[in-house]
Amino acid sequence: MDADTRVALWEAFSEFFLDTELDEAVYQHVARVVRASGVTRLEAEAVLWNEVFPVLHRNLQSVAGEWAGWSREWLVANIRPSQGVARRTGPTVLVEEVQGCWDKVLMHLGANTC
């Protein structure tokens, strides 16, 4: 996966970690980014769980969490690419919350899920 594709996924997945109410438009947007990336579902899951979740999940625990989003530059400076299968490790309630977001994206990807 090239760097631009990976960063586009980071940007899309970062929406799951904002201190905002997500709507169907967000899930549709993330699904479009995943589809356009050309990566498999398993590759996308690995990016979400192994790269984005470890860095951004703390925002979901913050009383005054980030709601406006992170810049591309901030994401590139703070998230590192990784290898391997998705590892859903972290506070259970947060893993479940983010898994719910991912499940909604998968519904938008539908039967064409890679």
Protein backbone atom coordinates (compact mmCIF):
# COMPACT_ATOMS: atom_id res chain seq x y z
CA MET A 1 0.00 0.00 0.00
CA ASP A 2 1.46 3.35 -0.96
CA ALA A 3 1.82 6.24 1.47
CA ASP A 4 -0.98 8.35 -0.02
CA THR A 5 -3.44 5.48 0.23
CA ARG A 6 -2.45 4.78 3.82
CA VAL A 7 -2.81 8.45 4.84
CA ALA A 8 -6.20 8.68 3.13
CA LEU A 9 -7.34 5.72 5.25
CA TRP A 10 -5.92 7.35 8.39
CA GLU A 11 -7.85 10.52 7.63
CA ALA A 12 -11.08 8.64 7.00
CA PHE A 13 -10.77 6.38 10.05
CA SER A 14 -9.89 9.33 12.29
CA GLU A 15 -13.55 10.36 12.00
CA PHE A 16 -14.41 7.46 14.35
CA PHE A 17 -12.40 9.08 17.14
CA LEU A 18 -13.80 12.62 17.13
CA ASP A 19 -15.88 13.91 20.01
CA THR A 20 -18.89 14.28 17.70
CA GLU A 21 -22.02 12.38 16.79
CA LEU A 22 -21.39 10.35 13.64
CA ASP A 23 -24.07 10.02 10.99
CA GLU A 24 -24.59 7.88 7.90
CA ALA A 25 -22.76 10.42 5.74
CA VAL A 26 -19.57 9.73 7.70
CA TYR A 27 -19.90 5.96 7.27
CA GLN A 28 -20.62 6.39 3.56
CA HIS A 29 -17.56 8.63 3.21
CA VAL A 30 -15.30 6.14 4.98
CA ALA A 31 -16.70 3.33 2.81
CA ARG A 32 -15.93 5.37 -0.34
CA VAL A 33 -12.35 5.94 0.85
CA VAL A 34 -11.87 2.25 1.64
CA ARG A 35 -13.31 1.24 -1.73
CA ALA A 36 -11.16 3.80 -3.60
CA SER A 37 -8.03 2.66 -1.75
CA GLY A 38 -8.13 -0.71 -3.46
CA VAL A 39 -7.04 -2.51 -0.29
CA THR A 40 -8.76 -5.62 1.00
CA ARG A 41 -11.16 -5.52 3.94
CA LEU A 42 -8.50 -7.24 6.06
CA GLU A 43 -5.86 -4.67 5.08
CA ALA A 44 -8.23 -1.81 5.91
CA GLU A 45 -9.06 -3.39 9.28
CA ALA A 46 -5.37 -3.72 10.07
CA VAL A 47 -4.84 -0.01 9.32
CA LEU A 48 -7.78 0.92 11.56
CA TRP A 49 -6.87 -1.30 14.52
CA ASN A 50 -3.07 -1.42 14.38
CA GLU A 51 -2.29 2.12 13.24
CA VAL A 52 -5.15 4.54 13.93
CA PHE A 53 -6.82 3.08 17.03
CA PRO A 54 -3.67 2.98 19.24
CA VAL A 55 -2.96 6.66 18.59
CA LEU A 56 -6.46 8.18 18.59
CA HIS A 57 -8.57 6.05 20.97
CA ARG A 58 -7.65 8.21 23.96
CA ASN A 59 -9.62 11.06 22.41
CA LEU A 60 -12.80 9.09 23.03
CA GLN A 61 -11.99 9.05 26.75
CA SER A 62 -11.30 12.77 27.01
CA VAL A 63 -13.85 15.05 28.64
CA ALA A 64 -12.97 17.74 26.12
CA GLY A 65 -11.88 15.61 23.19
CA GLU A 66 -10.92 16.77 19.73
CA TRP A 67 -14.00 17.48 17.66
CA ALA A 68 -12.63 19.43 14.68
CA GLY A 69 -10.32 16.71 13.39
CA TRP A 70 -6.61 16.20 13.00
CA SER A 71 -4.58 17.65 10.18
CA ARG A 72 -2.91 15.38 7.65
CA GLU A 73 0.44 16.62 8.97
CA TRP A 74 -0.46 15.66 12.55
CA LEU A 75 -1.60 12.20 11.49
CA VAL A 76 1.58 11.62 9.47
CA ALA A 77 3.74 12.77 12.40
CA ASN A 78 1.97 10.59 14.96
CA ILE A 79 0.75 7.40 13.27
CA ARG A 80 3.11 4.72 12.05
CA PRO A 81 2.47 2.04 9.44
CA SER A 82 2.37 -1.50 10.76
CA GLN A 83 2.19 -5.02 9.46
CA GLY A 84 0.06 -8.01 10.36
CA VAL A 85 -3.55 -8.85 11.05
CA ALA A 86 -5.88 -6.49 12.93
CA ARG A 87 -5.40 -6.59 16.70
CA ARG A 88 -8.38 -5.21 18.59
CA THR A 89 -6.64 -4.34 21.84
CA GLY A 90 -7.56 -1.53 24.18
CA PRO A 91 -10.35 -0.58 26.54
CA THR A 92 -13.27 -2.90 25.77
CA VAL A 93 -15.87 -0.15 25.60
CA LEU A 94 -13.78 1.77 23.06
CA VAL A 95 -13.03 -1.33 21.00
CA GLU A 96 -16.78 -2.03 20.88
CA GLU A 97 -17.58 1.58 19.92
CA VAL A 98 -15.07 1.63 17.07
CA GLN A 99 -16.09 -1.88 15.96
CA GLY A 100 -19.65 -0.56 15.69
CA CYS A 101 -18.41 2.21 13.40
CA TRP A 102 -16.47 -0.27 11.28
CA ASP A 103 -19.53 -2.55 11.07
CA LYS A 104 -21.56 0.36 9.66
CA VAL A 105 -18.87 1.02 7.07
CA LEU A 106 -18.93 -2.65 6.11
CA MET A 107 -22.70 -2.41 5.60
CA HIS A 108 -22.10 0.47 3.16
CA LEU A 109 -19.47 -1.59 1.37
CA GLY A 110 -22.08 -4.33 1.06
CA ALA A 111 -21.60 -7.55 -0.80
CA ASN A 112 -18.72 -5.99 -2.70
CA THR A 113 -16.60 -5.97 0.43
CA CYS A 114 -13.10 -6.83 -0.67
